[in-house]
Amino acid sequence: MSLIDESPERIYELIKETVPLHPLLISKAVALPDTEEDGYSPVYRSGYSPDRLISRMHNSLDTLYALFEFGYKFYKDRRAFGVRQKLPDGTLGKYQWQTYKTVRQRRNNLASGVFFVLENNPYRGNSEIHQNLQYDPSKKNKSFVLTIFSPNRAEWALADMACIAYSITNTALYDTLGPATSQYILELTESPIVLCSKDKIERLVALKKAHPALVNLIVIVSMDKLDDVKDAHLKPLAAANKIALYDYDQVEKLGETNPLDPIPPTPDTIFTISFTSGTTGAHPKGVVLTHANAVAASTFRYVKDFKPSGIRLYSFLPMAHIFERGNIQQALNIGAEIGFPLSTGITSLYDDVKELQPSPLPTVPRILSKLLAAVKAETVNNTEKPWVKYIYTRAINEKLRMQAQPRDDDLNPRHPVYDVFLDALREKFGLRSVEYMVTGSSPNSPDTLKFLKAALNIGISNGYGSTESFAGIMRTKSFDHNPGSVGPIGITTEFRLKDLPEMNYTTKDKEGPRGELLLRGPQIFREYYKNPEATAEAFDKDGWFHTGDVARVDPENDNRLFIIDRAKNFFKLAQGEFVTPEKIENVYLATNPHLQQLFVHGNSLESYLVGIVGLDPVTIGSYLKEKFNDEICNQNDILRLLNDPVNKKKFLLDLNAAAKDELQGFEKLHNVEIYFEPLTVERDIITPTQKIKRPLCTKFFQENLNRMYQEGSILRNEKL
């Protein structure tokens, strides 16, 4: 059902009149009457529309193509894609922009050229995939799969636009997948073409050479221009492995010479197959996301973020993941300016933000933690400048008090004096124009959110979503007075909780219903690609998607949701107590800012927990100075200090003291080993979104775990 039910001629004006919805209208969820069943909570929906789920802004705006073409009428002369100049001395200059008119034409040229190089390819064989590569407007729901493999850049977004306009399904590879998983995805999708950055070409050719099953891969298109001299070896190398190699300039020129009309998709057309990074160590699952899912996700964003005058977005979160894909598509739909990075480093990020001055800034908890440490060092921990420390401590504390007051709107309470200092601090960090940040992907410490909002005088919205829900389905207000939840459910999705008695979570718990989070609605995916078993396991008979996340509903706080655990990550200790390690890890990480990573382990043969600790290189210095009265910069020296048995015991006591009120005795760590970044994607023990692959992590650290249990509890004589 549409949010707006009027003729297309009035859509734009009606959208401007309707959205963004007032925060008070979407600030609560309601339980639907007579929907509670044995073992389940009631069904919850947005208080704005309890009688229906909303799937789109208007009936005519039912695909990403329709949304873009509609917006294009109003935004065609606006700036669309911005890329910074690299100056002769190696430094970066200003952003150079292409308009929506330019990128729309390039979109058509690129897609037309893709069909040309596939149809006229000398390496086409007799496979079913190769027999169906021709341009055919009647087959908009039966496409080959185009693969994109590159860091964030304008050409990535252009490839996405081309696929949308010509009903081509796409998927993405990314560096941290590794060659085995990349090979698995290419083989499963039978992808005939990869659009990639130049540095990926030789890797892809080698992959095909090593794996005969990749016979369908016959085209690679470089996003970077191929130099006739420096890159002369690449085309013969590709040809020797039955791959035709081009660059974007060549393909776009072929498309311009041989133009094809767009093939508008339908709501059921598959937009993308987004492969999730599994935590079990098995192959990732391909989440099939349609245009209907994408439009529902866009509608969820519209009601919060629509701005007729346009916004400026900095695209630095990985575009291979669905969160950033959704950000980009929404930005294109509303005529936003989108700036892209030339590098993926943190230093480059800060410099780009200062130059670009975006208005929203989507981010992730890890970046917020680094920002927190930097802001504290500049203000409340600035011992080198006592006056600066004094004034900012006063200003931040007052702002914390003001922002903690409940409000119906979503506005930042202003202070006539302190705001001058706080605004100057925000500008110093390059965030002058940033109106709010959006964060998700993993739990955020409420204290981190509170402090940054106060210190930088900025809004931070905390949300929840997954690949299967096309990113966010709920989000807090930017100036939520009591951070910690992931907000009320949005207008496109409904949820309920399922009892997990084996984990002591039930929908009758006195602190509010708790249980596994189940989702249903137009934003939820329909299936896993070529994996009917996993699809059947994910959905129940009533169409509810079982997320595997454990949530709590707060009935005293507008039925907002808190993510508190994972449903399958639990084990029993020797004394019979059930333990959920992810919950414990989140508590320690939230209460000990000098930690960046933690892997908690236990089993039924042992009576206590042990852990692998990863220190935060930015904040550990403050901890050492406060607790050990020592200033050490060298990481090896820090590890020698903290892994000394006496110091390690003190360190562990501090960890447990900070988490004291949130963990029971059997949930506390009794021994640890301490490192800097022990959990890495390269070791294949965490996913690119920092989720722990527990079976693989246990196997990798088995010697460490055995050593800690042989050493025993270093807190044996301590009262925990």
Foldseek 3Di string as FASTA:
>chain_A
DAPDEDDPVCLVVVLVVPALHFCLLQFFKDFDPPQDDVQWFGWIFGSNCPPDFHQFNYPQCQFLVSLLVSQCVVQQAFWAEWEWDQDPVRDTDATDTDGNVVLVLLLQLLLLLQLVCLLPAPLQDDDPLSVPSHQDLVPLQDAQEEEEEEFDDVVSVSPLSNCQQASHEYAYDYDLCDLVLVLVVCLQRLHQEYEYAPVCQVVVLVSCVVDVSNSSHAEYEHQDQADCPPNVVRQVSSVVSNHGYYYSVVSSVVCVVVGDGTNHHGQARFSYFQWDQDLQLDHTWTFTFGRSLLNSLLVLCSNHPADLVAWEEEQQDGCNFLVSVSVSSNNSSNNHYYYYFPDNDPVSVQVVLLNRQTAEYEDEQVVLLVVLLVLCCQECVVPVDVVRNVLLVVQLVVQLVQLLDDDSGLARDDDPPSVVVLLVSLVVSSNNNYAEYEYELDFHQQVSLSRCCRNNVHFYKYADDHSQLSTGQAIHRRSHSRDAFRGHGTSFKMKMFGDDVVQPAACPDPQHHKHFIWMDGSNGTQATRPCVPVRPVQADPVGIGGPQWMWGFHPVRSRTIHTQAGNPQWAAALVGDIEGQVNLFVLLCNQPSQWDDKDWDHYNDHQAIEMETAGDLSCVQVVCCVPVVDGDNDQVVVQVQCPPLVNVVVVQVVSCVSSVVPDDPRSGHQYYHYDHCPDDSVQVQAGPSGHGSVVSVCVVCVVVVVVRVVVNGSCVVPDD
